[in-house]
Amino acid sequence: MKGIIKTGILSLIAIVVTVIAVNKVSIDDDKSTYKGKPIETVACSYAFNTKDLKKVYGFADYVSVVKVNKEKSTQYKNVTEVGNGDKFGIPYTEYSVTVKENLKGKLPQTENINILKSGGLSYNKDKYYVDEGDILLEEDKYYVMAFCVQEDGALLVSGMGATEKIDYGMFWNNDDVDMYKKICNTSINASRKRYKYRE
């Protein structure tokens, strides 16, 4: 999530996260742009170790292998004036995805579903923000995603560890999926208020 320092509050799955726009970061090892625009990371403070996928998956309501079909729109929260007439809002990007496998919980696999992901195109449409340790999504690619159901029933994926890009399909060795499934099976659900997914 070089430039004006901006502050705001971002909801990470249901954890309060402080947001500060900092240096540019690569989406891949050799890229510092996404769709022709620069990328900036968002420094996040987490309530637990998000490098431990057992904790990430234990906190999540669902973990699934998904194919990203289409980027649909971007929503902005906490829009504020930052000077010189510019505005800053925390972006959440809506995607249409297909669930290929359910690793924790059961999301629909017979139709495309919509999800929200923290990060995306800036309010002024001049750059992309991505949470520290997270990645931006690409259409027609496969990911293991950990979702938390929001109070309105929407699926949110957010922050480090919640999105892992994988190679997937009939021509790929899917040992990685088995690894993520084992992590789900050995994770312990975090004690927190949970909501029902609205299909």
Protein backbone atom coordinates (compact mmCIF):
# COMPACT_ATOMS: atom_id res chain seq x y z
CA MET A 1 0.00 0.00 0.00
CA LYS A 2 8.45 8.24 -2.78
CA GLY A 3 5.21 9.90 -2.40
CA ILE A 4 3.16 11.60 0.23
CA ILE A 5 2.82 9.58 3.43
CA LYS A 6 -0.82 8.76 3.95
CA THR A 7 -2.42 7.22 7.00
CA GLY A 8 -5.69 5.43 7.54
CA ILE A 9 -7.20 2.40 9.17
CA LEU A 10 -7.60 -0.86 7.25
CA SER A 11 -9.62 -3.84 8.46
CA LEU A 12 -7.50 -6.98 8.03
CA ILE A 13 -9.98 -9.83 8.11
CA ALA A 14 -11.40 -8.43 11.39
CA ILE A 15 -8.10 -7.19 12.79
CA VAL A 16 -7.37 -3.48 12.95
CA VAL A 17 -4.36 -2.67 10.81
CA THR A 18 -2.53 0.65 10.57
CA VAL A 19 -1.99 1.74 6.99
CA ILE A 20 0.93 3.85 5.81
CA ALA A 21 1.94 4.23 2.18
CA VAL A 22 5.67 3.55 1.87
CA ASN A 23 8.20 2.45 -0.75
CA LYS A 24 7.48 0.77 -4.06
CA VAL A 25 7.71 -3.00 -4.13
CA SER A 26 7.82 -5.62 -6.82
CA ILE A 27 4.83 -7.79 -7.70
CA ASP A 28 7.33 -10.27 -9.15
CA ASP A 29 11.10 -10.28 -8.79
CA ASP A 30 11.54 -8.20 -11.93
CA LYS A 31 8.52 -5.87 -11.83
CA SER A 32 7.72 -2.71 -9.93
CA THR A 33 4.56 -1.91 -11.86
CA TYR A 34 1.13 -3.46 -12.31
CA LYS A 35 -0.95 -2.72 -15.40
CA GLY A 36 1.51 0.03 -16.25
CA LYS A 37 1.23 1.85 -12.91
CA PRO A 38 3.66 1.90 -9.96
CA ILE A 39 3.08 -0.30 -6.92
CA GLU A 40 3.30 0.92 -3.33
CA THR A 41 3.22 -1.29 -0.26
CA VAL A 42 0.99 -0.71 2.74
CA ALA A 43 2.78 -1.31 6.05
CA CYS A 44 0.55 -3.42 8.28
CA SER A 45 0.52 -4.32 11.96
CA TYR A 46 -0.95 -7.77 12.60
CA ALA A 47 -2.46 -9.28 15.75
CA PHE A 48 -0.67 -12.60 15.16
CA ASN A 49 2.19 -14.06 13.13
CA THR A 50 0.81 -14.13 9.58
CA LYS A 51 3.86 -16.06 8.38
CA ASP A 52 2.39 -19.02 10.28
CA LEU A 53 -0.25 -20.34 7.87
CA LYS A 54 -1.78 -22.51 10.62
CA LYS A 55 -2.74 -19.30 12.40
CA VAL A 56 -3.91 -17.61 9.20
CA TYR A 57 -6.08 -20.58 8.24
CA GLY A 58 -7.31 -21.04 11.80
CA PHE A 59 -8.48 -17.42 11.77
CA ALA A 60 -10.17 -17.78 8.36
CA ASP A 61 -13.69 -19.06 7.76
CA TYR A 62 -12.86 -20.64 4.39
CA VAL A 63 -9.69 -21.66 2.55
CA SER A 64 -10.04 -22.52 -1.14
CA VAL A 65 -8.15 -22.96 -4.38
CA VAL A 66 -9.63 -20.39 -6.74
CA LYS A 67 -9.18 -19.22 -10.31
CA VAL A 68 -9.45 -15.47 -10.78
CA ASN A 69 -11.80 -14.78 -13.67
CA LYS A 70 -12.20 -11.02 -13.73
CA GLU A 71 -11.43 -7.85 -11.84
CA LYS A 72 -14.82 -6.17 -11.48
CA SER A 73 -14.55 -2.90 -9.54
CA THR A 74 -12.76 -1.06 -6.74
CA GLN A 75 -14.42 0.23 -3.57
CA TYR A 76 -12.86 2.94 -1.39
CA LYS A 77 -13.23 3.28 2.37
CA ASN A 78 -12.28 6.13 4.71
CA VAL A 79 -11.89 8.64 1.85
CA THR A 80 -10.12 11.78 3.11
CA GLU A 81 -8.56 14.97 1.74
CA VAL A 82 -4.75 14.81 1.73
CA GLY A 83 -3.97 18.28 0.41
CA ASN A 84 -3.81 20.03 -2.97
CA GLY A 85 -7.31 18.77 -3.69
CA ASP A 86 -6.15 15.16 -3.71
CA LYS A 87 -8.11 12.45 -1.95
CA PHE A 88 -7.02 9.17 -0.44
CA GLY A 89 -9.23 6.14 0.14
CA ILE A 90 -8.37 2.59 1.16
CA PRO A 91 -9.00 0.38 -1.89
CA TYR A 92 -10.78 -2.96 -1.84
CA THR A 93 -10.97 -4.76 -5.18
CA GLU A 94 -13.89 -6.97 -6.16
CA TYR A 95 -13.15 -10.06 -8.24
CA SER A 96 -15.18 -12.81 -9.83
CA VAL A 97 -13.57 -16.18 -9.03
CA THR A 98 -14.25 -19.87 -9.51
CA VAL A 99 -13.65 -22.17 -6.55
CA LYS A 100 -11.74 -25.22 -7.80
CA GLU A 101 -11.22 -26.97 -4.45
CA ASN A 102 -12.36 -26.34 -0.90
CA LEU A 103 -9.65 -26.91 1.70
CA LYS A 104 -11.55 -25.55 4.70
CA GLY A 105 -15.31 -25.08 4.68
CA LYS A 106 -17.44 -25.37 1.56
CA LEU A 107 -17.90 -22.50 -0.85
CA PRO A 108 -20.01 -22.97 -4.02
CA GLN A 109 -18.18 -24.63 -6.91
CA THR A 110 -21.02 -24.70 -9.43
CA GLU A 111 -21.02 -20.97 -10.15
CA ASN A 112 -18.70 -17.98 -10.05
CA ILE A 113 -18.64 -16.05 -6.78
CA ASN A 114 -17.58 -12.51 -5.90
CA ILE A 115 -14.87 -11.74 -3.37
CA LEU A 116 -13.26 -8.61 -1.97
CA LYS A 117 -9.51 -8.25 -1.60
CA SER A 118 -7.73 -5.47 0.25
CA GLY A 119 -5.52 -3.36 -1.99
CA GLY A 120 -5.87 -2.25 -5.57
CA LEU A 121 -6.02 0.89 -7.70
CA SER A 122 -5.59 4.12 -5.76
CA TYR A 123 -8.43 6.62 -5.44
CA ASN A 124 -6.61 8.97 -7.83
CA LYS A 125 -5.96 6.04 -10.19
CA ASP A 126 -2.24 6.75 -10.45
CA LYS A 127 -0.83 3.70 -8.61
CA TYR A 128 -1.68 0.35 -7.01
CA TYR A 129 -1.55 -0.41 -3.30
CA VAL A 130 -0.74 -3.84 -1.90
CA ASP A 131 -0.47 -4.91 1.73
CA GLU A 132 3.03 -5.66 2.98
CA GLY A 133 3.81 -9.31 2.25
CA ASP A 134 0.70 -9.67 0.06
CA ILE A 135 0.34 -9.88 -3.74
CA LEU A 136 -1.86 -8.36 -6.42
CA LEU A 137 -4.03 -10.79 -8.36
CA GLU A 138 -3.84 -11.66 -12.04
CA GLU A 139 -6.76 -12.84 -14.13
CA ASP A 140 -6.72 -16.51 -15.24
CA LYS A 141 -4.25 -17.42 -12.46
CA TYR A 142 -4.78 -19.76 -9.51
CA TYR A 143 -4.42 -19.00 -5.81
CA VAL A 144 -4.99 -20.52 -2.40
CA MET A 145 -7.04 -17.92 -0.53
CA ALA A 146 -8.08 -17.65 3.10
CA PHE A 147 -11.42 -15.85 3.41
CA CYS A 148 -13.14 -14.23 6.35
CA VAL A 149 -16.86 -13.57 6.14
CA GLN A 150 -17.72 -9.96 6.90
CA GLU A 151 -20.75 -8.77 8.84
CA ASP A 152 -22.64 -8.15 5.58
CA GLY A 153 -21.91 -11.72 4.42
CA ALA A 154 -19.19 -10.78 1.91
CA LEU A 155 -15.96 -12.76 1.53
CA LEU A 156 -12.80 -10.78 2.28
CA VAL A 157 -9.22 -11.89 1.69
CA SER A 158 -6.66 -9.58 3.21
CA GLY A 159 -3.05 -9.35 4.29
CA MET A 160 0.10 -11.43 4.43
CA GLY A 161 -0.40 -15.19 4.14
CA ALA A 162 -4.02 -14.98 2.99
CA THR A 163 -3.21 -15.32 -0.73
CA GLU A 164 -0.70 -17.81 -2.15
CA LYS A 165 -0.19 -18.07 -5.92
CA ILE A 166 0.07 -21.65 -7.21
CA ASP A 167 0.36 -23.60 -10.45
CA TYR A 168 -2.79 -25.66 -10.79
CA GLY A 169 -4.48 -27.86 -13.35
CA MET A 170 -4.36 -31.21 -15.08
CA PHE A 171 -0.83 -30.64 -16.39
CA TRP A 172 0.59 -29.59 -13.03
CA ASN A 173 1.71 -31.56 -10.01
CA ASN A 174 -0.72 -30.41 -7.33
CA ASP A 175 1.36 -31.44 -4.32
CA ASP A 176 1.17 -27.82 -3.15
CA VAL A 177 -2.59 -28.15 -2.75
CA ASP A 178 -2.11 -31.21 -0.54
CA MET A 179 0.36 -29.23 1.56
CA TYR A 180 -2.14 -26.39 2.10
CA LYS A 181 -4.88 -28.91 2.86
CA LYS A 182 -2.71 -30.50 5.56
CA ILE A 183 -2.07 -27.07 7.07
CA CYS A 184 -5.83 -26.47 7.19
CA ASN A 185 -6.41 -29.87 8.81
CA THR A 186 -3.87 -29.16 11.55
CA SER A 187 -4.89 -25.55 12.21
CA ILE A 188 -6.97 -24.62 15.24
CA ASN A 189 -9.89 -22.26 14.74
CA ALA A 190 -9.32 -18.91 16.40
CA SER A 191 -11.92 -17.84 18.92
CA ARG A 192 -13.69 -14.85 17.39
CA LYS A 193 -17.12 -13.74 16.24
CA ARG A 194 -17.97 -15.32 12.90
CA TYR A 195 -20.59 -14.42 10.32
CA LYS A 196 -22.54 -16.39 7.74
CA TYR A 197 -21.51 -16.23 4.08
CA ARG A 198 -24.14 -14.61 1.90
CA GLU A 199 -24.26 -16.41 -1.47
